[in-house]
């Protein structure tokens, strides 16, 4: 059952950009490894080489001391290596069971054995705590449920080595705890697990050993118990990381209301929600997955129907039919799904940046020189790390994609900014950059709304935090009342 891996001098480059520089280390069988590094450190690329999604330009990969060069992910799966992707890799128009068995269908003679596939799928869904019928279409699931389908799909492959890339990014604490229990059972059965996460508290809890990469190179490894979270963070960024959150900008007592929502209702998701946000305020939204936070704001900016409610932006009552209407009124919403709704990953960086404000650059032909100038400013202002500004967005690391998405949605110069999970899947250094950006926006007099599943993030960033539960806004807490215990109690109904 056990499987050992050795990387020897692995190198990889995409066009002119080299992302791995002679990486060498080994993975012993039957242990859980935390693979750490900032976005762009090369972690995911190295694991994609191990799982057969990419091929190294140089170096050698050994599995159980046998040299391997997987031509595809199917070859790696035959060797017992399965990758659970950070970015969901599901076909929305297919059912859960069809996604789980895609390319691995069970047959009975000439026909598909659908009862056997449904039975196996249901068992794995139960293991990960997703109580959905296997015939449910994936497009009808929320992001957290799709993540659980990815995990259940991997469980079907009977992996000897399982790679988990940010598996808890969308999960509730209860779902995360269930996943950790599943990981412990897999380890006891001899499965090796590589756990990639920026949540250092989780790495501390579930891993046996930590391996750190930086700038495409292996830099350190140590038993998890010998490192504090602060030491892990310092190894990742190559310097001391302190003061994650800036001081909250002062909020004037007479600061005018920039955004006011009265009795908003979204069919099936939210009921009679009212709140207001002032200029210069960072206002948080907490709640468990499925509480209705994302769906509420999607309706407020015209992405889904709003059945009732009044929206006031900068003192003017508005009716927003779509995000372009919202943008014209000075309101912008950055989705939690940066690849699905934030960026066009197959387009160039400058084209992504200027897409929402193209009329500025078209006279009537597009002024590409002006676009390049705007990109140069954005790269500097938002700290977007790229060796080549001509690449496509998909070639950026997750953290740099998020910074590009922020630059894109802020390019129209909105006065009210809604950021949904702005640091999901982002490393420690990039998180700090985004936190300081949020406070810079508030200091400029903008109203900033942050939807986040990370309570420490909300406590560190926000002047006030609203808590939603089952579609209702159940509490709004000021700075003096912001604690994890209170937020959890309101979110779970145990206050």
Protein backbone atom coordinates (compact mmCIF):
# COMPACT_ATOMS: atom_id res chain seq x y z
CA UNK A 1 0.00 0.00 0.00
CA UNK A 2 2.73 2.50 0.97
CA UNK A 3 4.48 4.61 -1.62
CA UNK A 4 7.76 6.57 -1.45
CA UNK A 5 8.69 9.50 -3.70
CA UNK A 6 12.01 11.15 -4.53
CA UNK A 7 12.42 14.37 -6.54
CA UNK A 8 15.91 14.86 -7.95
CA UNK A 9 16.86 18.15 -9.62
CA UNK A 10 13.36 18.88 -10.93
CA UNK A 11 13.17 21.93 -13.19
CA UNK A 12 10.16 23.42 -14.96
CA UNK A 13 9.51 26.52 -17.01
CA UNK A 14 6.49 27.92 -18.82
CA UNK A 15 7.74 29.84 -21.83
CA UNK A 16 10.35 32.30 -20.53
CA UNK A 17 9.26 31.94 -16.89
CA UNK A 18 11.17 29.34 -14.83
CA UNK A 19 9.08 28.18 -11.87
CA UNK A 20 11.15 25.26 -10.50
CA UNK A 21 14.91 25.37 -9.99
CA UNK A 22 16.51 21.97 -9.33
CA UNK A 23 14.11 20.81 -6.61
CA UNK A 24 15.29 17.75 -4.67
CA UNK A 25 13.70 16.08 -1.63
CA UNK A 26 12.00 12.81 -0.73
CA UNK A 27 8.65 11.78 0.74
CA UNK A 28 8.50 8.73 2.99
CA UNK A 29 5.43 6.48 2.92
CA UNK A 30 2.54 6.56 5.40
CA UNK A 31 3.03 10.15 6.65
CA UNK A 32 1.21 13.47 6.27
CA UNK A 33 3.40 16.26 4.88
CA UNK A 34 2.62 19.95 4.93
CA UNK A 35 3.97 21.53 1.73
CA UNK A 36 4.35 25.25 2.39
CA UNK A 37 5.36 28.28 0.37
CA UNK A 38 4.06 31.59 -0.89
CA UNK A 39 1.97 31.73 -4.05
CA UNK A 40 4.45 31.33 -6.88
CA UNK A 41 6.81 29.18 -4.79
CA UNK A 42 6.22 26.24 -7.17
CA UNK A 43 4.31 23.91 -4.81
CA UNK A 44 1.34 23.26 -7.08
CA UNK A 45 3.52 22.92 -10.20
CA UNK A 46 5.74 20.34 -8.48
CA UNK A 47 2.69 18.37 -7.35
CA UNK A 48 1.19 18.53 -10.86
CA UNK A 49 4.41 16.94 -12.15
CA UNK A 50 4.06 14.20 -9.53
CA UNK A 51 0.39 13.69 -10.49
CA UNK A 52 1.02 13.60 -14.26
CA UNK A 53 -0.60 16.93 -15.20
CA UNK A 54 2.73 18.52 -16.14
CA UNK A 55 6.11 17.15 -17.26
CA UNK A 56 9.43 18.39 -15.93
CA UNK A 57 11.91 20.05 -18.30
CA UNK A 58 14.80 18.46 -16.41
CA UNK A 59 15.43 16.25 -13.38
CA UNK A 60 14.13 12.85 -12.36
CA UNK A 61 11.15 11.53 -10.41
CA UNK A 62 11.40 8.22 -8.55
CA UNK A 63 8.46 6.22 -7.20
CA UNK A 64 9.51 3.41 -4.87
CA UNK A 65 13.06 3.87 -6.27
CA UNK A 66 11.81 3.32 -9.82
CA UNK A 67 12.32 6.20 -12.27
CA UNK A 68 9.00 7.51 -13.60
CA UNK A 69 7.89 10.04 -16.19
CA UNK A 70 4.10 10.17 -16.24
CA UNK A 71 2.63 11.17 -19.59
CA UNK A 72 -0.79 11.89 -18.08
CA UNK A 73 -2.75 12.01 -14.83
CA UNK A 74 -4.20 8.60 -15.72
CA UNK A 75 -0.67 7.13 -15.68
CA UNK A 76 -0.10 8.65 -12.23
CA UNK A 77 -3.46 7.33 -10.98
CA UNK A 78 -2.47 3.83 -12.12
CA UNK A 79 0.60 4.24 -9.90
CA UNK A 80 -1.69 5.24 -7.01
CA UNK A 81 -1.13 9.05 -7.07
CA UNK A 82 -4.19 11.31 -7.01
CA UNK A 83 -4.35 15.13 -6.90
CA UNK A 84 -7.31 17.06 -5.48
CA UNK A 85 -7.08 20.38 -7.31
CA UNK A 86 -7.23 23.76 -5.59
CA UNK A 87 -9.30 25.10 -8.48
CA UNK A 88 -12.36 22.90 -8.92
CA UNK A 89 -12.05 20.51 -11.85
CA UNK A 90 -15.68 19.46 -12.33
CA UNK A 91 -18.10 19.49 -15.28
CA UNK A 92 -21.04 21.63 -14.12
CA UNK A 93 -23.56 20.13 -16.55
CA UNK A 94 -22.93 16.55 -15.34
CA UNK A 95 -24.26 14.94 -12.17
CA UNK A 96 -22.19 14.25 -9.08
CA UNK A 97 -21.86 10.54 -9.88
CA UNK A 98 -20.99 11.26 -13.53
CA UNK A 99 -18.21 13.61 -12.39
CA UNK A 100 -16.89 11.13 -9.85
CA UNK A 101 -16.59 8.32 -12.42
CA UNK A 102 -15.73 10.41 -15.49
CA UNK A 103 -13.15 8.39 -17.42
CA UNK A 104 -13.39 5.56 -14.87
CA UNK A 105 -16.93 4.32 -15.54
CA UNK A 106 -17.97 0.91 -14.20
CA UNK A 107 -19.42 -1.45 -16.79
CA UNK A 108 -21.63 -4.50 -16.82
CA UNK A 109 -20.98 -6.10 -20.16
CA UNK A 110 -21.54 -3.47 -22.85
CA UNK A 111 -23.53 -1.16 -20.56
CA UNK A 112 -22.66 1.24 -17.76
CA UNK A 113 -23.30 -0.21 -14.31
CA UNK A 114 -25.17 2.84 -13.00
CA UNK A 115 -26.51 1.23 -9.78
CA UNK A 116 -22.98 0.20 -8.75
CA UNK A 117 -21.61 3.67 -9.51
CA UNK A 118 -24.42 5.34 -7.53
CA UNK A 119 -23.83 3.03 -4.57
CA UNK A 120 -20.07 3.67 -4.55
CA UNK A 121 -20.58 7.41 -4.99
CA UNK A 122 -23.09 7.57 -2.14
CA UNK A 123 -20.66 5.79 0.20
CA UNK A 124 -17.83 8.20 -0.57
CA UNK A 125 -20.13 11.23 -0.29
CA UNK A 126 -21.15 10.00 3.16
CA UNK A 127 -17.45 9.66 4.10
CA UNK A 128 -16.86 13.35 3.35
CA UNK A 129 -20.16 14.48 4.86
CA UNK A 130 -22.00 15.59 1.71
CA UNK A 131 -25.61 14.48 1.92
CA UNK A 132 -26.69 15.05 -1.68
CA UNK A 133 -28.25 12.59 -4.11
CA UNK A 134 -25.58 11.31 -6.55
CA UNK A 135 -27.76 12.40 -9.50
CA UNK A 136 -27.72 16.08 -8.44
CA UNK A 137 -26.21 18.32 -11.12
CA UNK A 138 -22.91 19.87 -10.04
CA UNK A 139 -24.13 23.29 -11.25
CA UNK A 140 -26.74 23.18 -8.46
CA UNK A 141 -24.10 22.87 -5.72
CA UNK A 142 -22.47 25.71 -3.82
CA UNK A 143 -18.68 26.04 -3.92
CA UNK A 144 -18.12 24.18 -0.62
CA UNK A 145 -20.22 21.23 -1.82
CA UNK A 146 -18.24 21.09 -5.08
CA UNK A 147 -15.04 20.89 -3.02
CA UNK A 148 -16.44 17.89 -1.13
CA UNK A 149 -17.30 16.22 -4.46
CA UNK A 150 -13.65 16.67 -5.52
CA UNK A 151 -12.49 15.00 -2.31
CA UNK A 152 -15.02 12.15 -2.65
CA UNK A 153 -13.93 11.64 -6.28
CA UNK A 154 -10.33 11.25 -5.17
CA UNK A 155 -11.38 8.71 -2.53
CA UNK A 156 -12.76 6.48 -5.30
CA UNK A 157 -9.32 6.09 -6.83
CA UNK A 158 -7.91 4.15 -3.81
CA UNK A 159 -4.89 6.44 -3.73
CA UNK A 160 -1.56 5.34 -2.24
CA UNK A 161 -0.42 8.96 -2.30
CA UNK A 162 -3.02 11.71 -2.05
CA UNK A 163 -2.19 15.37 -2.79
CA UNK A 164 -4.59 17.91 -1.28
CA UNK A 165 -4.20 21.46 -2.60
CA UNK A 166 -6.04 23.91 -0.30
CA UNK A 167 -8.85 21.39 0.40
CA UNK A 168 -10.47 23.34 3.26
CA UNK A 169 -10.58 26.75 1.54
CA UNK A 170 -14.39 26.62 1.21
CA UNK A 171 -15.31 24.24 4.04
CA UNK A 172 -17.05 24.99 7.33
CA UNK A 173 -15.26 24.12 10.60
CA UNK A 174 -17.41 20.97 10.95
CA UNK A 175 -16.64 19.86 7.38
CA UNK A 176 -12.95 20.58 7.94
CA UNK A 177 -12.96 18.48 11.10
CA UNK A 178 -14.59 15.60 9.23
CA UNK A 179 -11.92 15.85 6.53
CA UNK A 180 -9.17 15.70 9.16
CA UNK A 181 -10.73 12.54 10.59
CA UNK A 182 -10.78 11.02 7.11
CA UNK A 183 -7.11 11.96 6.61
CA UNK A 184 -6.18 10.25 9.88
CA UNK A 185 -7.96 7.06 8.79
CA UNK A 186 -6.20 7.12 5.41
CA UNK A 187 -2.82 7.59 7.10
CA UNK A 188 -3.53 4.67 9.44
CA UNK A 189 -4.27 2.55 6.35
CA UNK A 190 -0.84 3.46 4.92
CA UNK A 191 -1.73 6.30 2.53
CA UNK A 192 0.82 9.09 2.14
CA UNK A 193 -0.74 12.59 2.11
CA UNK A 194 0.78 15.84 0.85
CA UNK A 195 -1.23 18.70 2.32
CA UNK A 196 -0.81 22.13 0.68
CA UNK A 197 -2.33 24.92 2.74
CA UNK A 198 -1.80 28.52 3.77
CA UNK A 199 -3.74 27.89 6.98
CA UNK A 200 -0.82 27.28 9.30
CA UNK A 201 -3.05 26.31 12.23
CA UNK A 202 -4.33 23.38 10.12
CA UNK A 203 -0.81 22.41 9.06
CA UNK A 204 0.16 22.42 12.73
CA UNK A 205 -2.79 20.16 13.63
CA UNK A 206 -2.69 17.47 10.94
CA UNK A 207 0.83 17.07 9.53
CA UNK A 208 3.83 15.05 10.70
CA UNK A 209 6.45 17.02 8.82
CA UNK A 210 6.71 20.37 7.03
CA UNK A 211 8.51 20.93 3.70
CA UNK A 212 9.02 24.56 2.63
CA UNK A 213 9.57 25.92 -0.88
CA UNK A 214 10.43 29.49 -1.85
CA UNK A 215 10.86 31.02 -5.33
CA UNK A 216 10.80 27.61 -7.02
CA UNK A 217 13.40 26.06 -4.71
CA UNK A 218 13.38 23.64 -1.77
CA UNK A 219 14.53 25.59 1.29
CA UNK A 220 13.75 23.62 4.46
CA UNK A 221 12.09 20.65 6.11
CA UNK A 222 11.44 19.81 9.76
CA UNK A 223 9.10 17.80 11.98
CA UNK A 224 5.96 19.88 12.43
CA UNK A 225 6.25 19.80 16.21
CA UNK A 226 9.61 21.60 16.05
CA UNK A 227 8.25 24.72 14.29
CA UNK A 228 5.94 27.45 15.50
CA UNK A 229 3.49 29.02 13.05
CA UNK A 230 5.61 32.18 13.09
CA UNK A 231 8.70 30.16 12.11
CA UNK A 232 6.74 28.48 9.30
CA UNK A 233 5.65 31.88 7.98
CA UNK A 234 9.19 33.26 8.18
CA UNK A 235 10.57 30.28 6.23
CA UNK A 236 7.92 30.76 3.54
CA UNK A 237 8.67 34.43 2.90
CA UNK A 238 12.39 34.43 3.75
CA UNK A 239 12.05 37.22 6.31
CA UNK A 240 10.33 38.04 9.57
CA UNK A 241 6.57 38.37 9.11
CA UNK A 242 4.90 40.51 11.74
CA UNK A 243 2.01 42.94 12.08
CA UNK A 244 -0.30 41.05 9.69
CA UNK A 245 -3.07 43.61 10.18
CA UNK A 246 -2.53 47.36 9.90
CA UNK A 247 -4.10 49.71 12.43
CA UNK A 248 -7.73 50.27 11.57
CA UNK A 249 -8.25 53.70 10.01
CA UNK A 250 -10.14 56.09 12.26
CA UNK A 251 -13.83 56.33 11.42
CA UNK A 252 -15.33 59.79 11.85
CA UNK A 253 -18.47 59.90 14.00
CA UNK A 254 -20.22 61.91 11.30
CA UNK A 255 -19.01 59.85 8.34
CA UNK A 256 -21.88 59.71 5.82
CA UNK A 257 -23.54 56.44 4.88
CA UNK A 258 -22.21 55.22 1.53
CA UNK A 259 -24.29 52.05 1.17
CA UNK A 260 -27.65 51.28 2.70
CA UNK A 261 -29.76 48.14 2.25
CA UNK A 262 -33.30 47.87 3.61
CA UNK A 263 -35.27 44.61 3.94
CA UNK A 264 -33.52 42.80 1.08
CA UNK A 265 -34.80 39.32 0.25
CA UNK A 266 -33.33 36.75 -2.13
CA UNK A 267 -35.56 33.74 -2.92
CA UNK A 268 -34.26 30.69 -1.10
CA UNK A 269 -31.25 32.48 0.39
CA UNK A 270 -31.93 35.65 2.37
CA UNK A 271 -34.89 37.31 4.09
CA UNK A 272 -35.40 40.92 5.23
CA UNK A 273 -31.71 41.84 5.53
CA UNK A 274 -30.98 45.47 6.46
CA UNK A 275 -27.61 47.13 7.10
CA UNK A 276 -25.62 50.26 6.29
CA UNK A 277 -21.92 50.97 5.70
CA UNK A 278 -20.28 54.38 6.13
CA UNK A 279 -17.52 56.02 4.13
CA UNK A 280 -14.13 54.89 5.44
CA UNK A 281 -15.58 51.82 7.16
CA UNK A 282 -14.49 48.19 6.76
CA UNK A 283 -17.68 46.20 7.37
CA UNK A 284 -17.49 42.40 7.67
CA UNK A 285 -19.97 39.61 6.97
CA UNK A 286 -19.55 36.36 8.94
CA UNK A 287 -21.57 33.14 8.84
CA UNK A 288 -21.33 29.48 8.04
CA UNK A 289 -21.19 28.27 4.44
CA UNK A 290 -24.76 28.37 3.13
CA UNK A 291 -25.81 31.24 5.41
CA UNK A 292 -26.69 33.34 2.34
CA UNK A 293 -23.94 35.99 2.42
CA UNK A 294 -22.64 35.47 -1.13
CA UNK A 295 -26.12 35.03 -2.57
CA UNK A 296 -27.31 38.24 -0.88
CA UNK A 297 -24.56 40.33 -2.47
CA UNK A 298 -24.91 38.61 -5.84
CA UNK A 299 -28.54 39.78 -5.78
CA UNK A 300 -27.63 43.29 -4.63
CA UNK A 301 -25.36 43.79 -7.68
CA UNK A 302 -27.77 42.17 -10.16
CA UNK A 303 -26.27 38.70 -10.54
CA UNK A 304 -29.43 36.97 -9.26
CA UNK A 305 -33.04 38.05 -8.60
CA UNK A 306 -33.79 40.29 -5.63
CA UNK A 307 -37.43 39.72 -4.64
CA UNK A 308 -37.70 42.68 -2.26
CA UNK A 309 -35.61 45.45 -0.77
CA UNK A 310 -34.32 48.97 -1.24
CA UNK A 311 -30.70 49.81 -2.16
CA UNK A 312 -29.21 53.25 -1.58
CA UNK A 313 -25.73 54.04 -2.96
CA UNK A 314 -24.17 57.38 -1.97
CA UNK A 315 -27.55 58.77 -0.98
CA UNK A 316 -29.41 57.73 -4.14
CA UNK A 317 -31.96 54.91 -4.34
CA UNK A 318 -30.95 52.63 -7.20
CA UNK A 319 -32.24 49.59 -9.08
CA UNK A 320 -29.35 47.45 -10.24
CA UNK A 321 -30.16 45.03 -13.06
CA UNK A 322 -26.59 43.79 -13.58
CA UNK A 323 -23.01 44.38 -12.36
CA UNK A 324 -22.46 47.05 -15.04
CA UNK A 325 -25.34 49.07 -13.56
CA UNK A 326 -23.71 48.64 -10.15
CA UNK A 327 -20.32 49.76 -11.47
CA UNK A 328 -21.85 52.92 -12.99
CA UNK A 329 -23.29 53.73 -9.56
CA UNK A 330 -19.90 53.29 -7.89
CA UNK A 331 -20.47 49.79 -6.48
CA UNK A 332 -18.28 46.79 -7.37
CA UNK A 333 -18.34 43.15 -6.26
CA UNK A 334 -15.36 40.78 -6.47
CA UNK A 335 -16.64 37.19 -6.47
CA UNK A 336 -15.22 34.40 -4.32
CA UNK A 337 -14.77 32.48 -7.62
CA UNK A 338 -11.84 34.42 -9.09
CA UNK A 339 -11.41 32.08 -12.07
CA UNK A 340 -15.10 31.66 -12.86
CA UNK A 341 -16.28 35.24 -12.31
CA UNK A 342 -13.22 37.32 -11.51
CA UNK A 343 -10.73 36.83 -14.35
CA UNK A 344 -10.56 35.55 -17.91
CA UNK A 345 -7.55 33.35 -17.28
CA UNK A 346 -6.80 32.73 -20.97
CA UNK A 347 -6.52 36.45 -21.68
CA UNK A 348 -3.52 38.74 -21.18
CA UNK A 349 -3.01 40.69 -17.95
CA UNK A 350 -3.67 44.10 -19.54
CA UNK A 351 -6.87 42.84 -21.21
CA UNK A 352 -8.17 41.59 -17.86
CA UNK A 353 -7.29 44.85 -16.13
CA UNK A 354 -9.04 47.18 -18.59
CA UNK A 355 -12.02 44.99 -19.49
CA UNK A 356 -14.50 46.83 -17.22
CA UNK A 357 -13.36 50.29 -18.38
CA UNK A 358 -12.67 49.66 -22.05
CA UNK A 359 -14.37 52.89 -23.10
CA UNK A 360 -11.42 54.77 -21.54
CA UNK A 361 -9.02 53.13 -23.99
CA UNK A 362 -11.11 52.91 -27.21
CA UNK A 363 -11.04 56.07 -29.42
CA UNK A 364 -12.51 54.12 -31.30
CA UNK A 365 -9.51 51.74 -31.65
CA UNK A 366 -8.06 50.36 -28.43
CA UNK A 367 -4.99 52.29 -27.24
CA UNK A 368 -2.80 49.33 -26.28
CA UNK A 369 0.01 51.63 -25.19
CA UNK A 370 -2.29 53.25 -22.63
CA UNK A 371 -3.41 49.79 -21.51
CA UNK A 372 0.20 48.74 -20.97
CA UNK A 373 0.78 51.91 -18.98
CA UNK A 374 -2.23 51.16 -16.77
CA UNK A 375 -0.95 47.63 -16.22
CA UNK A 376 2.48 48.91 -15.21
CA UNK A 377 0.83 51.13 -12.59
CA UNK A 378 -1.35 48.24 -11.33
CA UNK A 379 1.63 45.87 -11.08
CA UNK A 380 3.37 48.45 -8.91
CA UNK A 381 0.35 49.49 -6.80
CA UNK A 382 -0.96 45.99 -6.13
CA UNK A 383 2.37 44.18 -5.86
CA UNK A 384 1.62 41.75 -8.70
CA UNK A 385 4.68 39.53 -9.06
CA UNK A 386 5.34 38.47 -12.64
CA UNK A 387 8.56 38.16 -14.58
CA UNK A 388 6.75 38.95 -17.83
CA UNK A 389 3.74 41.28 -18.15
CA UNK A 390 2.82 39.75 -21.54
CA UNK A 391 1.77 36.37 -20.11
CA UNK A 392 -1.81 35.13 -19.77
CA UNK A 393 -3.53 35.38 -16.39
CA UNK A 394 -3.54 31.59 -15.87
CA UNK A 395 0.27 31.65 -15.64
CA UNK A 396 0.16 33.78 -12.48
CA UNK A 397 0.15 32.13 -9.06
CA UNK A 398 -3.09 32.12 -7.08
CA UNK A 399 -2.13 35.09 -4.94
CA UNK A 400 -1.07 37.16 -7.94
CA UNK A 401 -4.27 36.25 -9.79
CA UNK A 402 -6.18 37.56 -6.78
CA UNK A 403 -4.19 40.81 -6.84
CA UNK A 404 -4.91 41.17 -10.57
CA UNK A 405 -8.62 40.58 -9.91
CA UNK A 406 -8.56 43.27 -7.22
CA UNK A 407 -6.82 45.67 -9.60
CA UNK A 408 -9.42 44.93 -12.30
CA UNK A 409 -12.43 45.54 -10.08
CA UNK A 410 -10.91 48.67 -8.55
CA UNK A 411 -9.90 50.14 -11.91
CA UNK A 412 -13.34 51.81 -12.37
CA UNK A 413 -12.63 53.71 -9.10
CA UNK A 414 -15.70 52.52 -7.11
CA UNK A 415 -16.77 54.14 -3.82
CA UNK A 416 -18.38 50.97 -2.41
CA UNK A 417 -16.34 47.75 -2.69
CA UNK A 418 -17.56 44.24 -1.83
CA UNK A 419 -14.81 41.61 -1.50
CA UNK A 420 -16.02 38.01 -1.19
CA UNK A 421 -13.34 35.77 0.41
CA UNK A 422 -10.55 38.11 -0.77
CA UNK A 423 -7.68 35.97 0.62
CA UNK A 424 -8.93 32.45 -0.13
CA UNK A 425 -6.01 30.28 -1.26
CA UNK A 426 -3.56 33.15 -0.77
CA UNK A 427 -0.24 32.86 1.07
CA UNK A 428 0.85 34.72 4.19
CA UNK A 429 2.76 37.47 2.38
CA UNK A 430 0.00 38.13 -0.18
CA UNK A 431 -2.62 38.13 2.59
CA UNK A 432 -0.76 40.88 4.41
CA UNK A 433 -0.53 42.87 1.15
CA UNK A 434 -4.31 42.54 0.62
CA UNK A 435 -5.07 43.54 4.22
CA UNK A 436 -3.01 46.70 3.85
CA UNK A 437 -4.72 47.42 0.51
CA UNK A 438 -8.17 47.11 2.13
CA UNK A 439 -7.21 49.61 4.81
CA UNK A 440 -5.74 51.95 2.21
CA UNK A 441 -9.08 51.89 0.38
CA UNK A 442 -10.96 52.67 3.60
CA UNK A 443 -8.50 55.47 4.47
CA UNK A 444 -9.35 57.02 1.07
CA UNK A 445 -12.97 57.29 2.23
CA UNK A 446 -14.37 54.27 0.42
CA UNK A 447 -16.80 51.82 2.04
CA UNK A 448 -15.36 48.30 2.03
CA UNK A 449 -17.42 45.17 2.72
CA UNK A 450 -15.48 41.96 3.41
CA UNK A 451 -17.21 38.57 3.31
CA UNK A 452 -14.93 35.99 4.91
CA UNK A 453 -14.98 32.55 6.51
CA UNK A 454 -11.81 33.38 8.46
CA UNK A 455 -12.91 34.92 11.73
CA UNK A 456 -9.43 36.20 12.63
CA UNK A 457 -9.44 38.06 9.32
CA UNK A 458 -12.74 39.76 10.11
CA UNK A 459 -11.66 40.63 13.65
CA UNK A 460 -8.32 42.04 12.45
CA UNK A 461 -9.76 44.06 9.56
CA UNK A 462 -13.24 45.30 10.40
CA UNK A 463 -14.83 48.14 12.33
CA UNK A 464 -18.07 46.12 12.56
CA UNK A 465 -19.10 42.58 11.61
CA UNK A 466 -22.61 41.43 10.66
CA UNK A 467 -23.40 37.75 11.24
CA UNK A 468 -25.82 35.83 9.02
CA UNK A 469 -27.47 32.52 9.87
CA UNK A 470 -29.92 30.63 7.63
CA UNK A 471 -30.55 33.68 5.44
CA UNK A 472 -31.12 36.17 8.24
CA UNK A 473 -28.87 38.86 9.68
CA UNK A 474 -28.84 37.89 13.35
CA UNK A 475 -26.29 40.29 14.88
CA UNK A 476 -23.99 43.22 14.15
CA UNK A 477 -20.98 43.50 16.47
CA UNK A 478 -18.77 46.53 17.02
CA UNK A 479 -14.98 46.39 17.51
CA UNK A 480 -15.27 46.05 21.30
CA UNK A 481 -17.36 42.86 20.92
CA UNK A 482 -15.41 41.14 18.14
CA UNK A 483 -14.20 37.75 19.39
CA UNK A 484 -14.15 34.34 17.70
CA UNK A 485 -16.38 32.91 20.43
CA UNK A 486 -19.09 35.54 19.91
CA UNK A 487 -19.01 35.28 16.13
CA UNK A 488 -19.24 31.48 16.23
CA UNK A 489 -22.04 31.59 18.80
CA UNK A 490 -24.16 33.93 16.62
CA UNK A 491 -23.35 31.98 13.41
CA UNK A 492 -24.41 28.66 14.96
CA UNK A 493 -27.38 29.94 16.97
CA UNK A 494 -25.86 29.10 20.36
CA UNK A 495 -25.45 32.69 21.55
